[in-house]
Amino acid sequence: MTQRLTYHLESTNSLSDRQHGFREGKSVNTAINELLRKIKTARRDGKHVLVLSIDIKGAFDNLQHRAILKSLDASACPSNINRLFHSLLQNRKVTLLTPKVGPRRIKSKAALKVRAVARPCGTS
């Protein structure tokens, strides 16, 4: 599913050249190499360099389903991929089995939180 979406985004040039994560042929290493090249060029040209690095913990894991679906709706994403994501992300519930409370259904708010909640006790 994500491969279909990524293929669509790549083939329609919908991703920024500055995005290195989740892209074929790009990685943390290519991002660092690009940053170092820009720093060397700026220093060579006598310009000042300021680098700000921000890592938002769990940013990808905590994306709200509504935000994902809204972005897909606003894009030129093919309708079959759009419908697939809508089907996956809308009205999802998870059943939790706890020793004291028993089965309990909760509504999922973020895609990857579901995986963490659904994992059997004692595993990581």
PDB file of N, CA and C in Angstrom:
ATOM      1  N   MET A   1       0.818  -1.183   0.000  1.00  0.00           N
ATOM      2  CA  MET A   1       0.000   0.000   0.000  1.00  0.00           C
ATOM      3  C   MET A   1       0.871   1.259   0.000  1.00  0.00           C
ATOM      4  N   THR A   2       1.825   1.311   0.907  1.00  0.00           N
ATOM      5  CA  THR A   2       2.704   2.486   0.925  1.00  0.00           C
ATOM      6  C   THR A   2       3.580   2.526  -0.317  1.00  0.00           C
ATOM      7  N   GLN A   3       3.900   1.350  -0.862  1.00  0.00           N
ATOM      8  CA  GLN A   3       4.684   1.319  -2.103  1.00  0.00           C
ATOM      9  C   GLN A   3       3.902   1.946  -3.249  1.00  0.00           C
ATOM     10  N   ARG A   4       2.599   1.678  -3.306  1.00  0.00           N
ATOM     11  CA  ARG A   4       1.765   2.281  -4.354  1.00  0.00           C
ATOM     12  C   ARG A   4       1.738   3.795  -4.223  1.00  0.00           C
ATOM     13  N   LEU A   5       1.553   4.261  -2.987  1.00  0.00           N
ATOM     14  CA  LEU A   5       1.503   5.705  -2.756  1.00  0.00           C
ATOM     15  C   LEU A   5       2.852   6.341  -3.079  1.00  0.00           C
ATOM     16  N   THR A   6       3.931   5.724  -2.623  1.00  0.00           N
ATOM     17  CA  THR A   6       5.268   6.260  -2.892  1.00  0.00           C
ATOM     18  C   THR A   6       5.544   6.293  -4.391  1.00  0.00           C
ATOM     19  N   TYR A   7       5.171   5.228  -5.094  1.00  0.00           N
ATOM     20  CA  TYR A   7       5.363   5.200  -6.549  1.00  0.00           C
ATOM     21  C   TYR A   7       4.615   6.357  -7.201  1.00  0.00           C
ATOM     22  N   HIS A   8       3.370   6.567  -6.791  1.00  0.00           N
ATOM     23  CA  HIS A   8       2.578   7.671  -7.357  1.00  0.00           C
ATOM     24  C   HIS A   8       3.259   9.013  -7.077  1.00  0.00           C
ATOM     25  N   LEU A   9       3.676   9.230  -5.834  1.00  0.00           N
ATOM     26  CA  LEU A   9       4.303  10.505  -5.465  1.00  0.00           C
ATOM     27  C   LEU A   9       5.606  10.720  -6.224  1.00  0.00           C
ATOM     28  N   GLU A  10       6.396   9.656  -6.374  1.00  0.00           N
ATOM     29  CA  GLU A  10       7.659   9.762  -7.120  1.00  0.00           C
ATOM     30  C   GLU A  10       7.397  10.040  -8.600  1.00  0.00           C
ATOM     31  N   SER A  11       6.457   9.313  -9.195  1.00  0.00           N
ATOM     32  CA  SER A  11       6.227   9.440 -10.639  1.00  0.00           C
ATOM     33  C   SER A  11       5.577  10.764 -11.023  1.00  0.00           C
ATOM     34  N   THR A  12       4.921  11.424 -10.076  1.00  0.00           N
ATOM     35  CA  THR A  12       4.307  12.729 -10.367  1.00  0.00           C
ATOM     36  C   THR A  12       5.150  13.883  -9.822  1.00  0.00           C
ATOM     37  N   ASN A  13       6.380  13.571  -9.389  1.00  0.00           N
ATOM     38  CA  ASN A  13       7.285  14.584  -8.817  1.00  0.00           C
ATOM     39  C   ASN A  13       6.614  15.394  -7.716  1.00  0.00           C
ATOM     40  N   SER A  14       5.873  14.700  -6.849  1.00  0.00           N
ATOM     41  CA  SER A  14       5.155  15.368  -5.767  1.00  0.00           C
ATOM     42  C   SER A  14       5.970  15.477  -4.483  1.00  0.00           C
ATOM     43  N   LEU A  15       7.158  14.892  -4.469  1.00  0.00           N
ATOM     44  CA  LEU A  15       8.002  14.952  -3.278  1.00  0.00           C
ATOM     45  C   LEU A  15       9.129  15.953  -3.490  1.00  0.00           C
ATOM     46  N   SER A  16       9.477  16.643  -2.431  1.00  0.00           N
ATOM     47  CA  SER A  16      10.570  17.602  -2.484  1.00  0.00           C
ATOM     48  C   SER A  16      11.898  16.871  -2.669  1.00  0.00           C
ATOM     49  N   ASP A  17      12.800  17.470  -3.421  1.00  0.00           N
ATOM     50  CA  ASP A  17      14.145  16.908  -3.559  1.00  0.00           C
ATOM     51  C   ASP A  17      14.866  16.889  -2.219  1.00  0.00           C
ATOM     52  N   ARG A  18      14.404  17.697  -1.289  1.00  0.00           N
ATOM     53  CA  ARG A  18      15.032  17.767   0.036  1.00  0.00           C
ATOM     54  C   ARG A  18      14.589  16.639   0.959  1.00  0.00           C
ATOM     55  N   GLN A  19      13.566  15.901   0.566  1.00  0.00           N
ATOM     56  CA  GLN A  19      13.101  14.786   1.394  1.00  0.00           C
ATOM     57  C   GLN A  19      13.962  13.570   1.133  1.00  0.00           C
ATOM     58  N   HIS A  20      14.589  13.060   2.176  1.00  0.00           N
ATOM     59  CA  HIS A  20      15.468  11.902   2.041  1.00  0.00           C
ATOM     60  C   HIS A  20      14.870  10.655   2.666  1.00  0.00           C
ATOM     61  N   GLY A  21      13.978  10.809   3.635  1.00  0.00           N
ATOM     62  CA  GLY A  21      13.365   9.659   4.287  1.00  0.00           C
ATOM     63  C   GLY A  21      12.333   8.991   3.407  1.00  0.00           C
ATOM     64  N   PHE A  22      12.287   7.664   3.477  1.00  0.00           N
ATOM     65  CA  PHE A  22      11.291   6.860   2.770  1.00  0.00           C
ATOM     66  C   PHE A  22      11.354   7.032   1.255  1.00  0.00           C
ATOM     67  N   ARG A  23      12.577   7.224   0.732  1.00  0.00           N
ATOM     68  CA  ARG A  23      12.724   7.401  -0.716  1.00  0.00           C
ATOM     69  C   ARG A  23      13.792   6.472  -1.247  1.00  0.00           C
ATOM     70  N   GLU A  24      13.518   5.943  -2.431  1.00  0.00           N
ATOM     71  CA  GLU A  24      14.463   5.057  -3.115  1.00  0.00           C
ATOM     72  C   GLU A  24      15.752   5.822  -3.409  1.00  0.00           C
ATOM     73  N   GLY A  25      16.889   5.263  -3.012  1.00  0.00           N
ATOM     74  CA  GLY A  25      18.176   5.867  -3.314  1.00  0.00           C
ATOM     75  C   GLY A  25      18.561   7.026  -2.412  1.00  0.00           C
ATOM     76  N   LYS A  26      17.745   7.319  -1.405  1.00  0.00           N
ATOM     77  CA  LYS A  26      18.071   8.402  -0.471  1.00  0.00           C
ATOM     78  C   LYS A  26      18.039   7.847   0.944  1.00  0.00           C
ATOM     79  N   SER A  27      18.805   8.488   1.813  1.00  0.00           N
ATOM     80  CA  SER A  27      18.907   7.996   3.185  1.00  0.00           C
ATOM     81  C   SER A  27      19.433   9.114   4.075  1.00  0.00           C
ATOM     82  N   VAL A  28      19.670   8.786   5.319  1.00  0.00           N
ATOM     83  CA  VAL A  28      20.294   9.733   6.242  1.00  0.00           C
ATOM     84  C   VAL A  28      21.660  10.144   5.696  1.00  0.00           C
ATOM     85  N   ASN A  29      22.379   9.192   5.118  1.00  0.00           N
ATOM     86  CA  ASN A  29      23.713   9.493   4.577  1.00  0.00           C
ATOM     87  C   ASN A  29      23.648  10.500   3.440  1.00  0.00           C
ATOM     88  N   THR A  30      22.679  10.357   2.537  1.00  0.00           N
ATOM     89  CA  THR A  30      22.588  11.320   1.432  1.00  0.00           C
ATOM     90  C   THR A  30      22.184  12.694   1.953  1.00  0.00           C
ATOM     91  N   ALA A  31      21.368  12.732   2.995  1.00  0.00           N
ATOM     92  CA  ALA A  31      20.979  14.018   3.590  1.00  0.00           C
ATOM     93  C   ALA A  31      22.190  14.698   4.227  1.00  0.00           C
ATOM     94  N   ILE A  32      22.997  13.923   4.960  1.00  0.00           N
ATOM     95  CA  ILE A  32      24.192  14.480   5.601  1.00  0.00           C
ATOM     96  C   ILE A  32      25.193  14.951   4.548  1.00  0.00           C
ATOM     97  N   ASN A  33      25.384  14.168   3.499  1.00  0.00           N
ATOM     98  CA  ASN A  33      26.308  14.573   2.430  1.00  0.00           C
ATOM     99  C   ASN A  33      25.856  15.868   1.768  1.00  0.00           C
ATOM    100  N   GLU A  34      24.561  16.017   1.536  1.00  0.00           N
ATOM    101  CA  GLU A  34      24.044  17.253   0.943  1.00  0.00           C
ATOM    102  C   GLU A  34      24.263  18.439   1.883  1.00  0.00           C
ATOM    103  N   LEU A  35      24.016  18.225   3.170  1.00  0.00           N
ATOM    104  CA  LEU A  35      24.238  19.286   4.156  1.00  0.00           C
ATOM    105  C   LEU A  35      25.709  19.700   4.180  1.00  0.00           C
ATOM    106  N   LEU A  36      26.609  18.734   4.219  1.00  0.00           N
ATOM    107  CA  LEU A  36      28.043  19.043   4.248  1.00  0.00           C
ATOM    108  C   LEU A  36      28.481  19.785   2.989  1.00  0.00           C
ATOM    109  N   ARG A  37      27.944  19.395   1.841  1.00  0.00           N
ATOM    110  CA  ARG A  37      28.269  20.078   0.587  1.00  0.00           C
ATOM    111  C   ARG A  37      27.827  21.539   0.647  1.00  0.00           C
ATOM    112  N   LYS A  38      26.636  21.787   1.165  1.00  0.00           N
ATOM    113  CA  LYS A  38      26.134  23.162   1.260  1.00  0.00           C
ATOM    114  C   LYS A  38      26.963  23.986   2.248  1.00  0.00           C
ATOM    115  N   ILE A  39      27.384  23.367   3.349  1.00  0.00           N
ATOM    116  CA  ILE A  39      28.219  24.066   4.328  1.00  0.00           C
ATOM    117  C   ILE A  39      29.564  24.437   3.698  1.00  0.00           C
ATOM    118  N   LYS A  40      30.187  23.495   2.998  1.00  0.00           N
ATOM    119  CA  LYS A  40      31.479  23.764   2.353  1.00  0.00           C
ATOM    120  C   LYS A  40      31.361  24.874   1.318  1.00  0.00           C
ATOM    121  N   THR A  41      30.287  24.854   0.532  1.00  0.00           N
ATOM    122  CA  THR A  41      30.073  25.888  -0.488  1.00  0.00           C
ATOM    123  C   THR A  41      29.897  27.257   0.167  1.00  0.00           C
ATOM    124  N   ALA A  42      29.106  27.319   1.228  1.00  0.00           N
ATOM    125  CA  ALA A  42      28.880  28.590   1.922  1.00  0.00           C
ATOM    126  C   ALA A  42      30.177  29.112   2.531  1.00  0.00           C
ATOM    127  N   ARG A  43      30.947  28.251   3.153  1.00  0.00           N
ATOM    128  CA  ARG A  43      32.218  28.674   3.762  1.00  0.00           C
ATOM    129  C   ARG A  43      33.195  29.151   2.696  1.00  0.00           C
ATOM    130  N   ARG A  44      33.242  28.441   1.573  1.00  0.00           N
ATOM    131  CA  ARG A  44      34.124  28.829   0.473  1.00  0.00           C
ATOM    132  C   ARG A  44      33.755  30.218  -0.049  1.00  0.00           C
ATOM    133  N   ASP A  45      32.457  30.517  -0.077  1.00  0.00           N
ATOM    134  CA  ASP A  45      31.981  31.808  -0.572  1.00  0.00           C
ATOM    135  C   ASP A  45      31.962  32.889   0.508  1.00  0.00           C
ATOM    136  N   GLY A  46      32.483  32.570   1.700  1.00  0.00           N
ATOM    137  CA  GLY A  46      32.561  33.550   2.783  1.00  0.00           C
ATOM    138  C   GLY A  46      31.221  33.868   3.430  1.00  0.00           C
ATOM    139  N   LYS A  47      30.276  32.969   3.324  1.00  0.00           N
ATOM    140  CA  LYS A  47      28.953  33.183   3.917  1.00  0.00           C
ATOM    141  C   LYS A  47      28.882  32.526   5.287  1.00  0.00           C
ATOM    142  N   HIS A  48      27.960  33.015   6.091  1.00  0.00           N
ATOM    143  CA  HIS A  48      27.725  32.409   7.404  1.00  0.00           C
ATOM    144  C   HIS A  48      26.878  31.153   7.237  1.00  0.00           C
ATOM    145  N   VAL A  49      27.049  30.229   8.160  1.00  0.00           N
ATOM    146  CA  VAL A  49      26.290  28.978   8.115  1.00  0.00           C
ATOM    147  C   VAL A  49      25.614  28.771   9.459  1.00  0.00           C
ATOM    148  N   LEU A  50      24.339  28.481   9.416  1.00  0.00           N
ATOM    149  CA  LEU A  50      23.575  28.151  10.618  1.00  0.00           C
ATOM    150  C   LEU A  50      22.809  26.869  10.330  1.00  0.00           C
ATOM    151  N   VAL A  51      22.962  25.885  11.198  1.00  0.00           N
ATOM    152  CA  VAL A  51      22.257  24.615  11.026  1.00  0.00           C
ATOM    153  C   VAL A  51      21.374  24.401  12.242  1.00  0.00           C
ATOM    154  N   LEU A  52      20.114  24.126  11.990  1.00  0.00           N
ATOM    155  CA  LEU A  52      19.155  23.815  13.049  1.00  0.00           C
ATOM    156  C   LEU A  52      18.609  22.427  12.763  1.00  0.00           C
ATOM    157  N   SER A  53      18.771  21.534  13.703  1.00  0.00           N
ATOM    158  CA  SER A  53      18.288  20.164  13.530  1.00  0.00           C
ATOM    159  C   SER A  53      17.231  19.884  14.588  1.00  0.00           C
ATOM    160  N   ILE A  54      16.061  19.466  14.139  1.00  0.00           N
ATOM    161  CA  ILE A  54      14.968  19.168  15.065  1.00  0.00           C
ATOM    162  C   ILE A  54      14.498  17.744  14.810  1.00  0.00           C
ATOM    163  N   ASP A  55      14.420  16.956  15.873  1.00  0.00           N
ATOM    164  CA  ASP A  55      13.882  15.603  15.774  1.00  0.00           C
ATOM    165  C   ASP A  55      12.665  15.536  16.687  1.00  0.00           C
ATOM    166  N   ILE A  56      11.496  15.473  16.090  1.00  0.00           N
ATOM    167  CA  ILE A  56      10.273  15.403  16.881  1.00  0.00           C
ATOM    168  C   ILE A  56      10.008  13.935  17.184  1.00  0.00           C
ATOM    169  N   LYS A  57      10.153  13.574  18.451  1.00  0.00           N
ATOM    170  CA  LYS A  57      10.021  12.180  18.858  1.00  0.00           C
ATOM    171  C   LYS A  57       8.625  11.646  18.522  1.00  0.00           C
ATOM    172  N   GLY A  58       8.599  10.559  17.796  1.00  0.00           N
ATOM    173  CA  GLY A  58       7.336   9.908  17.475  1.00  0.00           C
ATOM    174  C   GLY A  58       6.460  10.663  16.494  1.00  0.00           C
ATOM    175  N   ALA A  59       7.032  11.606  15.751  1.00  0.00           N
ATOM    176  CA  ALA A  59       6.220  12.423  14.836  1.00  0.00           C
ATOM    177  C   ALA A  59       5.475  11.548  13.835  1.00  0.00           C
ATOM    178  N   PHE A  60       6.154  10.614  13.229  1.00  0.00           N
ATOM    179  CA  PHE A  60       5.510   9.758  12.233  1.00  0.00           C
ATOM    180  C   PHE A  60       4.498   8.819  12.887  1.00  0.00           C
ATOM    181  N   ASP A  61       4.841   8.307  14.065  1.00  0.00           N
ATOM    182  CA  ASP A  61       3.973   7.355  14.755  1.00  0.00           C
ATOM    183  C   ASP A  61       2.669   7.978  15.235  1.00  0.00           C
ATOM    184  N   ASN A  62       2.655   9.280  15.406  1.00  0.00           N
ATOM    185  CA  ASN A  62       1.489   9.928  15.998  1.00  0.00           C
ATOM    186  C   ASN A  62       0.705  10.808  15.038  1.00  0.00           C
ATOM    187  N   LEU A  63       0.881  10.595  13.752  1.00  0.00           N
ATOM    188  CA  LEU A  63       0.092  11.351  12.776  1.00  0.00           C
ATOM    189  C   LEU A  63      -1.389  11.060  12.972  1.00  0.00           C
ATOM    190  N   GLN A  64      -2.186  12.096  12.952  1.00  0.00           N
ATOM    191  CA  GLN A  64      -3.626  11.926  13.087  1.00  0.00           C
ATOM    192  C   GLN A  64      -4.211  11.429  11.769  1.00  0.00           C
ATOM    193  N   HIS A  65      -5.083  10.457  11.849  1.00  0.00           N
ATOM    194  CA  HIS A  65      -5.697   9.895  10.647  1.00  0.00           C
ATOM    195  C   HIS A  65      -6.395  10.964   9.814  1.00  0.00           C
ATOM    196  N   ARG A  66      -7.105  11.880  10.463  1.00  0.00           N
ATOM    197  CA  ARG A  66      -7.822  12.936   9.723  1.00  0.00           C
ATOM    198  C   ARG A  66      -6.864  13.761   8.880  1.00  0.00           C
ATOM    199  N   ALA A  67      -5.691  14.072   9.419  1.00  0.00           N
ATOM    200  CA  ALA A  67      -4.707  14.882   8.680  1.00  0.00           C
ATOM    201  C   ALA A  67      -4.192  14.126   7.457  1.00  0.00           C
ATOM    202  N   ILE A  68      -3.948  12.835   7.616  1.00  0.00           N
ATOM    203  CA  ILE A  68      -3.482  12.023   6.490  1.00  0.00           C
ATOM    204  C   ILE A  68      -4.544  11.999   5.395  1.00  0.00           C
ATOM    205  N   LEU A  69      -5.788  11.737   5.787  1.00  0.00           N
ATOM    206  CA  LEU A  69      -6.876  11.635   4.808  1.00  0.00           C
ATOM    207  C   LEU A  69      -7.156  12.972   4.138  1.00  0.00           C
ATOM    208  N   LYS A  70      -7.058  14.055   4.894  1.00  0.00           N
ATOM    209  CA  LYS A  70      -7.276  15.388   4.320  1.00  0.00           C
ATOM    210  C   LYS A  70      -6.213  15.688   3.260  1.00  0.00           C
ATOM    211  N   SER A  71      -4.967  15.340   3.548  1.00  0.00           N
ATOM    212  CA  SER A  71      -3.888  15.550   2.574  1.00  0.00           C
ATOM    213  C   SER A  71      -4.099  14.705   1.324  1.00  0.00           C
ATOM    214  N   LEU A  72      -4.520  13.464   1.517  1.00  0.00           N
ATOM    215  CA  LEU A  72      -4.791  12.606   0.362  1.00  0.00           C
ATOM    216  C   LEU A  72      -5.936  13.161  -0.478  1.00  0.00           C
ATOM    217  N   ASP A  73      -6.987  13.639   0.188  1.00  0.00           N
ATOM    218  CA  ASP A  73      -8.138  14.196  -0.532  1.00  0.00           C
ATOM    219  C   ASP A  73      -7.747  15.428  -1.343  1.00  0.00           C
ATOM    220  N   ALA A  74      -6.816  16.219  -0.819  1.00  0.00           N
ATOM    221  CA  ALA A  74      -6.396  17.455  -1.496  1.00  0.00           C
ATOM    222  C   ALA A  74      -5.376  17.184  -2.605  1.00  0.00           C
ATOM    223  N   SER A  75      -4.835  15.979  -2.636  1.00  0.00           N
ATOM    224  CA  SER A  75      -3.810  15.656  -3.634  1.00  0.00           C
ATOM    225  C   SER A  75      -4.449  15.074  -4.891  1.00  0.00           C
ATOM    226  N   ALA A  76      -3.597  14.832  -5.863  1.00  0.00           N
ATOM    227  CA  ALA A  76      -4.044  14.192  -7.106  1.00  0.00           C
ATOM    228  C   ALA A  76      -3.828  12.685  -7.029  1.00  0.00           C
ATOM    229  N   CYS A  77      -3.895  12.162  -5.831  1.00  0.00           N
ATOM    230  CA  CYS A  77      -3.687  10.731  -5.614  1.00  0.00           C
ATOM    231  C   CYS A  77      -4.777   9.936  -6.339  1.00  0.00           C
ATOM    232  N   PRO A  78      -4.407   8.853  -7.009  1.00  0.00           N
ATOM    233  CA  PRO A  78      -5.416   8.037  -7.686  1.00  0.00           C
ATOM    234  C   PRO A  78      -6.512   7.584  -6.715  1.00  0.00           C
ATOM    235  N   SER A  79      -7.731   7.529  -7.206  1.00  0.00           N
ATOM    236  CA  SER A  79      -8.874   7.235  -6.336  1.00  0.00           C
ATOM    237  C   SER A  79      -8.768   5.869  -5.671  1.00  0.00           C
ATOM    238  N   ASN A  80      -8.171   4.875  -6.344  1.00  0.00           N
ATOM    239  CA  ASN A  80      -8.063   3.555  -5.715  1.00  0.00           C
ATOM    240  C   ASN A  80      -7.142   3.587  -4.491  1.00  0.00           C
ATOM    241  N   ILE A  81      -6.062   4.345  -4.568  1.00  0.00           N
ATOM    242  CA  ILE A  81      -5.161   4.465  -3.416  1.00  0.00           C
ATOM    243  C   ILE A  81      -5.839   5.278  -2.319  1.00  0.00           C
ATOM    244  N   ASN A  82      -6.507   6.351  -2.698  1.00  0.00           N
ATOM    245  CA  ASN A  82      -7.223   7.187  -1.735  1.00  0.00           C
ATOM    246  C   ASN A  82      -8.263   6.354  -0.985  1.00  0.00           C
ATOM    247  N   ARG A  83      -9.056   5.574  -1.705  1.00  0.00           N
ATOM    248  CA  ARG A  83     -10.089   4.736  -1.069  1.00  0.00           C
ATOM    249  C   ARG A  83      -9.459   3.709  -0.131  1.00  0.00           C
ATOM    250  N   LEU A  84      -8.330   3.146  -0.534  1.00  0.00           N
ATOM    251  CA  LEU A  84      -7.645   2.152   0.290  1.00  0.00           C
ATOM    252  C   LEU A  84      -7.226   2.751   1.632  1.00  0.00           C
ATOM    253  N   PHE A  85      -6.630   3.944   1.597  1.00  0.00           N
ATOM    254  CA  PHE A  85      -6.224   4.600   2.842  1.00  0.00           C
ATOM    255  C   PHE A  85      -7.436   5.003   3.676  1.00  0.00           C
ATOM    256  N   HIS A  86      -8.488   5.490   3.045  1.00  0.00           N
ATOM    257  CA  HIS A  86      -9.710   5.837   3.781  1.00  0.00           C
ATOM    258  C   HIS A  86     -10.271   4.603   4.481  1.00  0.00           C
ATOM    259  N   SER A  87     -10.306   3.493   3.778  1.00  0.00           N
ATOM    260  CA  SER A  87     -10.823   2.258   4.355  1.00  0.00           C
ATOM    261  C   SER A  87      -9.977   1.812   5.548  1.00  0.00           C
ATOM    262  N   LEU A  88      -8.678   1.942   5.415  1.00  0.00           N
ATOM    263  CA  LEU A  88      -7.772   1.504   6.477  1.00  0.00           C
ATOM    264  C   LEU A  88      -7.828   2.403   7.709  1.00  0.00           C
ATOM    265  N   LEU A  89      -7.952   3.710   7.495  1.00  0.00           N
ATOM    266  CA  LEU A  89      -7.772   4.653   8.600  1.00  0.00           C
ATOM    267  C   LEU A  89      -9.063   5.161   9.245  1.00  0.00           C
ATOM    268  N   GLN A  90     -10.205   4.874   8.680  1.00  0.00           N
ATOM    269  CA  GLN A  90     -11.439   5.390   9.265  1.00  0.00           C
ATOM    270  C   GLN A  90     -12.097   4.361  10.174  1.00  0.00           C
ATOM    271  N   ASN A  91     -12.574   4.854  11.307  1.00  0.00           N
ATOM    272  CA  ASN A  91     -13.359   4.050  12.253  1.00  0.00           C
ATOM    273  C   ASN A  91     -12.677   2.746  12.656  1.00  0.00           C
ATOM    274  N   ARG A  92     -11.399   2.798  12.880  1.00  0.00           N
ATOM    275  CA  ARG A  92     -10.662   1.615  13.317  1.00  0.00           C
ATOM    276  C   ARG A  92     -10.772   1.487  14.826  1.00  0.00           C
ATOM    277  N   LYS A  93     -10.954   0.259  15.282  1.00  0.00           N
ATOM    278  CA  LYS A  93     -11.000  -0.004  16.712  1.00  0.00           C
ATOM    279  C   LYS A  93     -10.068  -1.163  17.016  1.00  0.00           C
ATOM    280  N   VAL A  94      -9.566  -1.172  18.234  1.00  0.00           N
ATOM    281  CA  VAL A  94      -8.645  -2.201  18.693  1.00  0.00           C
ATOM    282  C   VAL A  94      -9.246  -2.830  19.934  1.00  0.00           C
ATOM    283  N   THR A  95      -9.144  -4.139  20.067  1.00  0.00           N
ATOM    284  CA  THR A  95      -9.619  -4.808  21.270  1.00  0.00           C
ATOM    285  C   THR A  95      -8.425  -5.077  22.171  1.00  0.00           C
ATOM    286  N   LEU A  96      -8.513  -4.578  23.396  1.00  0.00           N
ATOM    287  CA  LEU A  96      -7.462  -4.803  24.385  1.00  0.00           C
ATOM    288  C   LEU A  96      -7.922  -5.885  25.350  1.00  0.00           C
ATOM    289  N   LEU A  97      -7.068  -6.836  25.608  1.00  0.00           N
ATOM    290  CA  LEU A  97      -7.363  -7.861  26.600  1.00  0.00           C
ATOM    291  C   LEU A  97      -6.470  -7.610  27.801  1.00  0.00           C
ATOM    292  N   THR A  98      -7.086  -7.276  28.915  1.00  0.00           N
ATOM    293  CA  THR A  98      -6.312  -7.029  30.130  1.00  0.00           C
ATOM    294  C   THR A  98      -6.778  -8.002  31.201  1.00  0.00           C
ATOM    295  N   PRO A  99      -5.880  -8.442  32.073  1.00  0.00           N
ATOM    296  CA  PRO A  99      -6.254  -9.439  33.075  1.00  0.00           C
ATOM    297  C   PRO A  99      -7.333  -8.941  34.040  1.00  0.00           C
ATOM    298  N   LYS A 100      -7.334  -7.656  34.368  1.00  0.00           N
ATOM    299  CA  LYS A 100      -8.276  -7.148  35.369  1.00  0.00           C
ATOM    300  C   LYS A 100      -9.591  -6.680  34.760  1.00  0.00           C
ATOM    301  N   VAL A 101      -9.547  -6.088  33.581  1.00  0.00           N
ATOM    302  CA  VAL A 101     -10.741  -5.479  32.996  1.00  0.00           C
ATOM    303  C   VAL A 101     -11.404  -6.388  31.970  1.00  0.00           C
ATOM    304  N   GLY A 102     -10.639  -7.225  31.297  1.00  0.00           N
ATOM    305  CA  GLY A 102     -11.183  -8.058  30.230  1.00  0.00           C
ATOM    306  C   GLY A 102     -11.146  -7.323  28.904  1.00  0.00           C
ATOM    307  N   PRO A 103     -11.871  -7.847  27.910  1.00  0.00           N
ATOM    308  CA  PRO A 103     -11.843  -7.206  26.586  1.00  0.00           C
ATOM    309  C   PRO A 103     -12.437  -5.803  26.617  1.00  0.00           C
ATOM    310  N   ARG A 104     -11.795  -4.895  25.925  1.00  0.00           N
ATOM    311  CA  ARG A 104     -12.275  -3.514  25.852  1.00  0.00           C
ATOM    312  C   ARG A 104     -11.923  -2.971  24.481  1.00  0.00           C
ATOM    313  N   ARG A 105     -12.899  -2.358  23.801  1.00  0.00           N
ATOM    314  CA  ARG A 105     -12.654  -1.799  22.465  1.00  0.00           C
ATOM    315  C   ARG A 105     -12.390  -0.309  22.590  1.00  0.00           C
ATOM    316  N   ILE A 106     -11.328   0.130  21.926  1.00  0.00           N
ATOM    317  CA  ILE A 106     -11.015   1.554  21.901  1.00  0.00           C
ATOM    318  C   ILE A 106     -10.843   1.995  20.460  1.00  0.00           C
ATOM    319  N   LYS A 107     -11.138   3.258  20.214  1.00  0.00           N
ATOM    320  CA  LYS A 107     -10.981   3.809  18.867  1.00  0.00           C
ATOM    321  C   LYS A 107      -9.522   4.198  18.673  1.00  0.00           C
ATOM    322  N   SER A 108      -8.967   3.803  17.540  1.00  0.00           N
ATOM    323  CA  SER A 108      -7.579   4.121  17.221  1.00  0.00           C
ATOM    324  C   SER A 108      -7.484   5.541  16.695  1.00  0.00           C
ATOM    325  N   LYS A 109      -6.482   6.291  17.165  1.00  0.00           N
ATOM    326  CA  LYS A 109      -6.283   7.662  16.696  1.00  0.00           C
ATOM    327  C   LYS A 109      -5.085   7.791  15.778  1.00  0.00           C
ATOM    328  N   ALA A 110      -4.120   6.925  15.893  1.00  0.00           N
ATOM    329  CA  ALA A 110      -2.921   7.003  15.046  1.00  0.00           C
ATOM    330  C   ALA A 110      -2.557   5.608  14.574  1.00  0.00           C
ATOM    331  N   ALA A 111      -2.158   5.518  13.334  1.00  0.00           N
ATOM    332  CA  ALA A 111      -1.944   4.218  12.695  1.00  0.00           C
ATOM    333  C   ALA A 111      -0.956   3.341  13.450  1.00  0.00           C
ATOM    334  N   LEU A 112       0.179   3.883  13.844  1.00  0.00           N
ATOM    335  CA  LEU A 112       1.199   3.046  14.459  1.00  0.00           C
ATOM    336  C   LEU A 112       0.962   2.821  15.940  1.00  0.00           C
ATOM    337  N   LYS A 113       0.139   3.642  16.563  1.00  0.00           N
ATOM    338  CA  LYS A 113      -0.221   3.374  17.950  1.00  0.00           C
ATOM    339  C   LYS A 113      -0.988   2.064  18.044  1.00  0.00           C
ATOM    340  N   VAL A 114      -1.752   1.752  17.029  1.00  0.00           N
ATOM    341  CA  VAL A 114      -2.513   0.507  17.011  1.00  0.00           C
ATOM    342  C   VAL A 114      -1.575  -0.674  17.128  1.00  0.00           C
ATOM    343  N   ARG A 115      -0.481  -0.652  16.401  1.00  0.00           N
ATOM    344  CA  ARG A 115       0.482  -1.754  16.457  1.00  0.00           C
ATOM    345  C   ARG A 115       1.050  -1.907  17.860  1.00  0.00           C
ATOM    346  N   ALA A 116       1.375  -0.786  18.485  1.00  0.00           N
ATOM    347  CA  ALA A 116       1.963  -0.846  19.825  1.00  0.00           C
ATOM    348  C   ALA A 116       0.953  -1.391  20.824  1.00  0.00           C
ATOM    349  N   VAL A 117      -0.294  -0.966  20.724  1.00  0.00           N
ATOM    350  CA  VAL A 117      -1.328  -1.413  21.654  1.00  0.00           C
ATOM    351  C   VAL A 117      -1.647  -2.887  21.439  1.00  0.00           C
ATOM    352  N   ALA A 118      -1.635  -3.338  20.202  1.00  0.00           N
ATOM    353  CA  ALA A 118      -2.051  -4.695  19.881  1.00  0.00           C
ATOM    354  C   ALA A 118      -0.976  -5.744  20.153  1.00  0.00           C
ATOM    355  N   ARG A 119       0.219  -5.306  20.496  1.00  0.00           N
ATOM    356  CA  ARG A 119       1.324  -6.235  20.718  1.00  0.00           C
ATOM    357  C   ARG A 119       1.070  -7.053  21.993  1.00  0.00           C
ATOM    358  N   PRO A 120       1.312  -8.368  21.977  1.00  0.00           N
ATOM    359  CA  PRO A 120       1.101  -9.190  23.167  1.00  0.00           C
ATOM    360  C   PRO A 120       1.966  -8.732  24.335  1.00  0.00           C
ATOM    361  N   CYS A 121       1.460  -8.913  25.533  1.00  0.00           N
ATOM    362  CA  CYS A 121       2.209  -8.530  26.734  1.00  0.00           C
ATOM    363  C   CYS A 121       3.529  -9.286  26.787  1.00  0.00           C
ATOM    364  N   GLY A 122       4.551  -8.606  27.264  1.00  0.00           N
ATOM    365  CA  GLY A 122       5.852  -9.227  27.426  1.00  0.00           C
ATOM    366  C   GLY A 122       6.722  -9.186  26.185  1.00  0.00           C
ATOM    367  N   THR A 123       6.231  -8.550  25.095  1.00  0.00           N
ATOM    368  CA  THR A 123       7.065  -8.412  23.902  1.00  0.00           C
ATOM    369  C   THR A 123       7.359  -6.953  23.673  1.00  0.00           C
ATOM    370  N   SER A 124       8.363  -6.687  22.866  1.00  0.00           N
ATOM    371  CA  SER A 124       8.697  -5.285  22.586  1.00  0.00           C
ATOM    372  C   SER A 124       8.693  -5.025  21.114  1.00  0.00           C
TER     373      SER A 124
END
